[in-house]
Amino acid sequence: MAIKSVSIRIEEMLEKLDFVADYEGCSISSHILVVIRENIKFFEQEHGKINGTIRPEVNVKPTTKTKQPERAS
């Protein structure tokens, strides 16, 4: 799946958003993704699961390498 970019204008909120992201220990981009995931989760709780193959929880590069699961022999 190709990664898509979205440009938005948030000049008036950028400084506050940077403050919140820094407080949470992440970048602005990562924080925005967290907020979007939470919004989708809330929407689905209220209105039901959204059908589709896109999984928001994996639609971002992880910040650290994860261990690969061990294979059964």
PDB file of N, CA and C in Angstrom:
ATOM      1  N   MET A   1       0.847  -1.175   0.000  1.00  0.00           N
ATOM      2  CA  MET A   1       0.000   0.000   0.000  1.00  0.00           C
ATOM      3  C   MET A   1       0.891   1.235   0.000  1.00  0.00           C
ATOM      4  N   ALA A   2       0.591   2.177  -0.844  1.00  0.00           N
ATOM      5  CA  ALA A   2       1.336   3.433  -0.912  1.00  0.00           C
ATOM      6  C   ALA A   2       0.973   4.316   0.274  1.00  0.00           C
ATOM      7  N   ILE A   3       1.967   5.012   0.781  1.00  0.00           N
ATOM      8  CA  ILE A   3       1.733   5.953   1.868  1.00  0.00           C
ATOM      9  C   ILE A   3       1.311   7.275   1.261  1.00  0.00           C
ATOM     10  N   LYS A   4       0.208   7.828   1.749  1.00  0.00           N
ATOM     11  CA  LYS A   4      -0.308   9.085   1.234  1.00  0.00           C
ATOM     12  C   LYS A   4      -0.012  10.208   2.210  1.00  0.00           C
ATOM     13  N   SER A   5       0.190  11.381   1.677  1.00  0.00           N
ATOM     14  CA  SER A   5       0.424  12.563   2.502  1.00  0.00           C
ATOM     15  C   SER A   5      -0.753  13.511   2.379  1.00  0.00           C
ATOM     16  N   VAL A   6      -0.996  14.242   3.455  1.00  0.00           N
ATOM     17  CA  VAL A   6      -2.061  15.233   3.475  1.00  0.00           C
ATOM     18  C   VAL A   6      -1.471  16.532   3.999  1.00  0.00           C
ATOM     19  N   SER A   7      -1.739  17.609   3.307  1.00  0.00           N
ATOM     20  CA  SER A   7      -1.302  18.923   3.773  1.00  0.00           C
ATOM     21  C   SER A   7      -2.484  19.665   4.363  1.00  0.00           C
ATOM     22  N   ILE A   8      -2.284  20.205   5.555  1.00  0.00           N
ATOM     23  CA  ILE A   8      -3.335  20.999   6.187  1.00  0.00           C
ATOM     24  C   ILE A   8      -2.721  22.280   6.720  1.00  0.00           C
ATOM     25  N   ARG A   9      -3.527  23.308   6.837  1.00  0.00           N
ATOM     26  CA  ARG A   9      -3.052  24.586   7.358  1.00  0.00           C
ATOM     27  C   ARG A   9      -3.466  24.716   8.811  1.00  0.00           C
ATOM     28  N   ILE A  10      -2.466  24.764   9.675  1.00  0.00           N
ATOM     29  CA  ILE A  10      -2.748  24.828  11.109  1.00  0.00           C
ATOM     30  C   ILE A  10      -1.877  25.872  11.792  1.00  0.00           C
ATOM     31  N   GLU A  11      -1.562  26.934  11.074  1.00  0.00           N
ATOM     32  CA  GLU A  11      -0.641  27.938  11.600  1.00  0.00           C
ATOM     33  C   GLU A  11      -0.983  28.371  13.020  1.00  0.00           C
ATOM     34  N   GLU A  12      -2.244  28.652  13.259  1.00  0.00           N
ATOM     35  CA  GLU A  12      -2.667  29.184  14.555  1.00  0.00           C
ATOM     36  C   GLU A  12      -2.568  28.147  15.674  1.00  0.00           C
ATOM     37  N   MET A  13      -2.606  26.866  15.330  1.00  0.00           N
ATOM     38  CA  MET A  13      -2.566  25.812  16.338  1.00  0.00           C
ATOM     39  C   MET A  13      -1.206  25.135  16.446  1.00  0.00           C
ATOM     40  N   LEU A  14      -0.315  25.408  15.518  1.00  0.00           N
ATOM     41  CA  LEU A  14       0.945  24.678  15.436  1.00  0.00           C
ATOM     42  C   LEU A  14       1.783  24.784  16.704  1.00  0.00           C
ATOM     43  N   GLU A  15       1.891  25.957  17.270  1.00  0.00           N
ATOM     44  CA  GLU A  15       2.704  26.128  18.472  1.00  0.00           C
ATOM     45  C   GLU A  15       2.136  25.307  19.642  1.00  0.00           C
ATOM     46  N   LYS A  16       0.820  25.334  19.801  1.00  0.00           N
ATOM     47  CA  LYS A  16       0.196  24.562  20.877  1.00  0.00           C
ATOM     48  C   LYS A  16       0.306  23.064  20.602  1.00  0.00           C
ATOM     49  N   LEU A  17       0.123  22.669  19.356  1.00  0.00           N
ATOM     50  CA  LEU A  17       0.244  21.269  18.985  1.00  0.00           C
ATOM     51  C   LEU A  17       1.665  20.765  19.243  1.00  0.00           C
ATOM     52  N   ASP A  18       2.658  21.590  18.929  1.00  0.00           N
ATOM     53  CA  ASP A  18       4.051  21.245  19.194  1.00  0.00           C
ATOM     54  C   ASP A  18       4.279  21.066  20.694  1.00  0.00           C
ATOM     55  N   PHE A  19       3.686  21.931  21.507  1.00  0.00           N
ATOM     56  CA  PHE A  19       3.803  21.840  22.964  1.00  0.00           C
ATOM     57  C   PHE A  19       3.236  20.509  23.466  1.00  0.00           C
ATOM     58  N   VAL A  20       2.029  20.157  23.000  1.00  0.00           N
ATOM     59  CA  VAL A  20       1.375  18.920  23.434  1.00  0.00           C
ATOM     60  C   VAL A  20       2.186  17.705  22.991  1.00  0.00           C
ATOM     61  N   ALA A  21       2.621  17.696  21.732  1.00  0.00           N
ATOM     62  CA  ALA A  21       3.407  16.571  21.220  1.00  0.00           C
ATOM     63  C   ALA A  21       4.698  16.410  22.011  1.00  0.00           C
ATOM     64  N   ASP A  22       5.381  17.522  22.283  1.00  0.00           N
ATOM     65  CA  ASP A  22       6.616  17.476  23.060  1.00  0.00           C
ATOM     66  C   ASP A  22       6.343  16.946  24.468  1.00  0.00           C
ATOM     67  N   TYR A  23       5.258  17.377  25.075  1.00  0.00           N
ATOM     68  CA  TYR A  23       4.865  16.906  26.405  1.00  0.00           C
ATOM     69  C   TYR A  23       4.649  15.392  26.391  1.00  0.00           C
ATOM     70  N   GLU A  24       4.045  14.886  25.303  1.00  0.00           N
ATOM     71  CA  GLU A  24       3.778  13.455  25.164  1.00  0.00           C
ATOM     72  C   GLU A  24       5.015  12.683  24.713  1.00  0.00           C
ATOM     73  N   GLY A  25       6.080  13.392  24.361  1.00  0.00           N
ATOM     74  CA  GLY A  25       7.324  12.741  23.965  1.00  0.00           C
ATOM     75  C   GLY A  25       7.338  12.223  22.543  1.00  0.00           C
ATOM     76  N   CYS A  26       6.647  12.915  21.666  1.00  0.00           N
ATOM     77  CA  CYS A  26       6.628  12.472  20.276  1.00  0.00           C
ATOM     78  C   CYS A  26       6.653  13.676  19.338  1.00  0.00           C
ATOM     79  N   SER A  27       6.772  13.388  18.064  1.00  0.00           N
ATOM     80  CA  SER A  27       6.765  14.449  17.061  1.00  0.00           C
ATOM     81  C   SER A  27       5.333  14.922  16.822  1.00  0.00           C
ATOM     82  N   ILE A  28       5.206  16.062  16.169  1.00  0.00           N
ATOM     83  CA  ILE A  28       3.875  16.564  15.814  1.00  0.00           C
ATOM     84  C   ILE A  28       3.163  15.557  14.916  1.00  0.00           C
ATOM     85  N   SER A  29       3.884  15.027  13.936  1.00  0.00           N
ATOM     86  CA  SER A  29       3.297  14.069  13.004  1.00  0.00           C
ATOM     87  C   SER A  29       2.777  12.830  13.736  1.00  0.00           C
ATOM     88  N   SER A  30       3.587  12.282  14.628  1.00  0.00           N
ATOM     89  CA  SER A  30       3.155  11.106  15.392  1.00  0.00           C
ATOM     90  C   SER A  30       1.955  11.427  16.268  1.00  0.00           C
ATOM     91  N   HIS A  31       1.970  12.603  16.872  1.00  0.00           N
ATOM     92  CA  HIS A  31       0.853  12.991  17.740  1.00  0.00           C
ATOM     93  C   HIS A  31      -0.439  13.128  16.931  1.00  0.00           C
ATOM     94  N   ILE A  32      -0.346  13.702  15.755  1.00  0.00           N
ATOM     95  CA  ILE A  32      -1.525  13.831  14.890  1.00  0.00           C
ATOM     96  C   ILE A  32      -2.081  12.451  14.557  1.00  0.00           C
ATOM     97  N   LEU A  33      -1.202  11.487  14.276  1.00  0.00           N
ATOM     98  CA  LEU A  33      -1.663  10.130  13.979  1.00  0.00           C
ATOM     99  C   LEU A  33      -2.362   9.503  15.183  1.00  0.00           C
ATOM    100  N   VAL A  34      -1.857   9.760  16.382  1.00  0.00           N
ATOM    101  CA  VAL A  34      -2.504   9.260  17.595  1.00  0.00           C
ATOM    102  C   VAL A  34      -3.910   9.844  17.711  1.00  0.00           C
ATOM    103  N   VAL A  35      -4.036  11.146  17.496  1.00  0.00           N
ATOM    104  CA  VAL A  35      -5.336  11.814  17.595  1.00  0.00           C
ATOM    105  C   VAL A  35      -6.303  11.256  16.543  1.00  0.00           C
ATOM    106  N   ILE A  36      -5.817  11.027  15.340  1.00  0.00           N
ATOM    107  CA  ILE A  36      -6.673  10.479  14.270  1.00  0.00           C
ATOM    108  C   ILE A  36      -7.140   9.077  14.638  1.00  0.00           C
ATOM    109  N   ARG A  37      -6.207   8.221  15.121  1.00  0.00           N
ATOM    110  CA  ARG A  37      -6.591   6.861  15.525  1.00  0.00           C
ATOM    111  C   ARG A  37      -7.653   6.891  16.625  1.00  0.00           C
ATOM    112  N   GLU A  38      -7.464   7.773  17.615  1.00  0.00           N
ATOM    113  CA  GLU A  38      -8.448   7.878  18.700  1.00  0.00           C
ATOM    114  C   GLU A  38      -9.804   8.327  18.175  1.00  0.00           C
ATOM    115  N   ASN A  39      -9.801   9.232  17.210  1.00  0.00           N
ATOM    116  CA  ASN A  39     -11.056   9.706  16.629  1.00  0.00           C
ATOM    117  C   ASN A  39     -11.766   8.588  15.877  1.00  0.00           C
ATOM    118  N   ILE A  40     -11.017   7.795  15.127  1.00  0.00           N
ATOM    119  CA  ILE A  40     -11.609   6.668  14.398  1.00  0.00           C
ATOM    120  C   ILE A  40     -12.178   5.654  15.382  1.00  0.00           C
ATOM    121  N   LYS A  41     -11.430   5.360  16.432  1.00  0.00           N
ATOM    122  CA  LYS A  41     -11.887   4.407  17.452  1.00  0.00           C
ATOM    123  C   LYS A  41     -13.189   4.896  18.096  1.00  0.00           C
ATOM    124  N   PHE A  42     -13.235   6.175  18.460  1.00  0.00           N
ATOM    125  CA  PHE A  42     -14.444   6.757  19.053  1.00  0.00           C
ATOM    126  C   PHE A  42     -15.615   6.670  18.075  1.00  0.00           C
ATOM    127  N   PHE A  43     -15.381   7.012  16.803  1.00  0.00           N
ATOM    128  CA  PHE A  43     -16.430   6.960  15.790  1.00  0.00           C
ATOM    129  C   PHE A  43     -16.986   5.545  15.672  1.00  0.00           C
ATOM    130  N   GLU A  44     -16.078   4.549  15.618  1.00  0.00           N
ATOM    131  CA  GLU A  44     -16.523   3.164  15.468  1.00  0.00           C
ATOM    132  C   GLU A  44     -17.285   2.674  16.701  1.00  0.00           C
ATOM    133  N   GLN A  45     -16.925   3.161  17.877  1.00  0.00           N
ATOM    134  CA  GLN A  45     -17.662   2.785  19.081  1.00  0.00           C
ATOM    135  C   GLN A  45     -19.088   3.324  19.033  1.00  0.00           C
ATOM    136  N   GLU A  46     -19.237   4.507  18.476  1.00  0.00           N
ATOM    137  CA  GLU A  46     -20.561   5.138  18.409  1.00  0.00           C
ATOM    138  C   GLU A  46     -21.399   4.641  17.232  1.00  0.00           C
ATOM    139  N   HIS A  47     -20.745   4.341  16.090  1.00  0.00           N
ATOM    140  CA  HIS A  47     -21.479   4.076  14.852  1.00  0.00           C
ATOM    141  C   HIS A  47     -21.236   2.703  14.249  1.00  0.00           C
ATOM    142  N   GLY A  48     -20.378   1.913  14.835  1.00  0.00           N
ATOM    143  CA  GLY A  48     -20.075   0.593  14.292  1.00  0.00           C
ATOM    144  C   GLY A  48     -18.786   0.600  13.490  1.00  0.00           C
ATOM    145  N   LYS A  49     -18.264  -0.593  13.307  1.00  0.00           N
ATOM    146  CA  LYS A  49     -16.993  -0.792  12.614  1.00  0.00           C
ATOM    147  C   LYS A  49     -17.061  -0.273  11.182  1.00  0.00           C
ATOM    148  N   ILE A  50     -16.000   0.407  10.771  1.00  0.00           N
ATOM    149  CA  ILE A  50     -15.882   0.862   9.384  1.00  0.00           C
ATOM    150  C   ILE A  50     -15.281  -0.290   8.590  1.00  0.00           C
ATOM    151  N   ASN A  51     -15.948  -0.698   7.534  1.00  0.00           N
ATOM    152  CA  ASN A  51     -15.448  -1.788   6.702  1.00  0.00           C
ATOM    153  C   ASN A  51     -14.302  -1.303   5.833  1.00  0.00           C
ATOM    154  N   GLY A  52     -13.341  -2.166   5.625  1.00  0.00           N
ATOM    155  CA  GLY A  52     -12.222  -1.832   4.764  1.00  0.00           C
ATOM    156  C   GLY A  52     -10.979  -2.585   5.181  1.00  0.00           C
ATOM    157  N   THR A  53      -9.941  -2.436   4.389  1.00  0.00           N
ATOM    158  CA  THR A  53      -8.711  -3.162   4.651  1.00  0.00           C
ATOM    159  C   THR A  53      -7.645  -2.305   5.301  1.00  0.00           C
ATOM    160  N   ILE A  54      -7.889  -1.006   5.430  1.00  0.00           N
ATOM    161  CA  ILE A  54      -6.906  -0.118   6.033  1.00  0.00           C
ATOM    162  C   ILE A  54      -6.999  -0.237   7.543  1.00  0.00           C
ATOM    163  N   ARG A  55      -5.886  -0.530   8.176  1.00  0.00           N
ATOM    164  CA  ARG A  55      -5.837  -0.640   9.628  1.00  0.00           C
ATOM    165  C   ARG A  55      -5.062   0.552  10.168  1.00  0.00           C
ATOM    166  N   PRO A  56      -5.732   1.543  10.756  1.00  0.00           N
ATOM    167  CA  PRO A  56      -5.041   2.752  11.216  1.00  0.00           C
ATOM    168  C   PRO A  56      -3.915   2.486  12.194  1.00  0.00           C
ATOM    169  N   GLU A  57      -4.033   1.428  12.996  1.00  0.00           N
ATOM    170  CA  GLU A  57      -2.988   1.168  13.982  1.00  0.00           C
ATOM    171  C   GLU A  57      -1.659   0.759  13.357  1.00  0.00           C
ATOM    172  N   VAL A  58      -1.671   0.329  12.107  1.00  0.00           N
ATOM    173  CA  VAL A  58      -0.408  -0.040  11.449  1.00  0.00           C
ATOM    174  C   VAL A  58      -0.074   0.895  10.297  1.00  0.00           C
ATOM    175  N   ASN A  59      -0.789   1.968  10.163  1.00  0.00           N
ATOM    176  CA  ASN A  59      -0.586   2.896   9.050  1.00  0.00           C
ATOM    177  C   ASN A  59       0.455   3.959   9.387  1.00  0.00           C
ATOM    178  N   VAL A  60       1.492   3.560  10.087  1.00  0.00           N
ATOM    179  CA  VAL A  60       2.567   4.478  10.431  1.00  0.00           C
ATOM    180  C   VAL A  60       3.818   3.653  10.713  1.00  0.00           C
ATOM    181  N   LYS A  61       4.963   4.182  10.346  1.00  0.00           N
ATOM    182  CA  LYS A  61       6.210   3.487  10.622  1.00  0.00           C
ATOM    183  C   LYS A  61       6.454   3.485  12.125  1.00  0.00           C
ATOM    184  N   PRO A  62       6.780   2.319  12.707  1.00  0.00           N
ATOM    185  CA  PRO A  62       7.017   2.281  14.148  1.00  0.00           C
ATOM    186  C   PRO A  62       8.236   3.107  14.544  1.00  0.00           C
ATOM    187  N   THR A  63       8.224   3.628  15.758  1.00  0.00           N
ATOM    188  CA  THR A  63       9.323   4.459  16.218  1.00  0.00           C
ATOM    189  C   THR A  63      10.536   3.629  16.619  1.00  0.00           C
ATOM    190  N   THR A  64      10.317   2.388  17.014  1.00  0.00           N
ATOM    191  CA  THR A  64      11.420   1.509  17.373  1.00  0.00           C
ATOM    192  C   THR A  64      11.254   0.185  16.664  1.00  0.00           C
ATOM    193  N   LYS A  65      12.373  -0.516  16.498  1.00  0.00           N
ATOM    194  CA  LYS A  65      12.285  -1.829  15.865  1.00  0.00           C
ATOM    195  C   LYS A  65      11.589  -2.783  16.814  1.00  0.00           C
ATOM    196  N   THR A  66      10.728  -3.595  16.251  1.00  0.00           N
ATOM    197  CA  THR A  66      10.036  -4.587  17.063  1.00  0.00           C
ATOM    198  C   THR A  66      10.659  -5.950  16.817  1.00  0.00           C
ATOM    199  N   LYS A  67      10.635  -6.763  17.834  1.00  0.00           N
ATOM    200  CA  LYS A  67      11.174  -8.108  17.696  1.00  0.00           C
ATOM    201  C   LYS A  67      10.275  -8.929  16.803  1.00  0.00           C
ATOM    202  N   GLN A  68      10.893  -9.723  15.946  1.00  0.00           N
ATOM    203  CA  GLN A  68      10.130 -10.637  15.120  1.00  0.00           C
ATOM    204  C   GLN A  68       9.737 -11.830  15.992  1.00  0.00           C
ATOM    205  N   PRO A  69       8.518 -12.339  15.844  1.00  0.00           N
ATOM    206  CA  PRO A  69       8.113 -13.485  16.637  1.00  0.00           C
ATOM    207  C   PRO A  69       8.970 -14.704  16.283  1.00  0.00           C
ATOM    208  N   GLU A  70       9.243 -15.526  17.290  1.00  0.00           N
ATOM    209  CA  GLU A  70      10.026 -16.720  17.053  1.00  0.00           C
ATOM    210  C   GLU A  70       9.164 -17.728  16.322  1.00  0.00           C
ATOM    211  N   ARG A  71       9.803 -18.445  15.384  1.00  0.00           N
ATOM    212  CA  ARG A  71       9.087 -19.466  14.623  1.00  0.00           C
ATOM    213  C   ARG A  71       9.123 -20.788  15.381  1.00  0.00           C
ATOM    214  N   ALA A  72       8.021 -21.503  15.302  1.00  0.00           N
ATOM    215  CA  ALA A  72       7.976 -22.818  15.930  1.00  0.00           C
ATOM    216  C   ALA A  72       8.809 -23.776  15.109  1.00  0.00           C
ATOM    217  N   SER A  73       9.546 -24.670  15.776  1.00  0.00           N
ATOM    218  CA  SER A  73      10.363 -25.615  15.024  1.00  0.00           C
ATOM    219  C   SER A  73       9.690 -26.941  14.865  1.00  0.00           C
TER     220      SER A  73
END
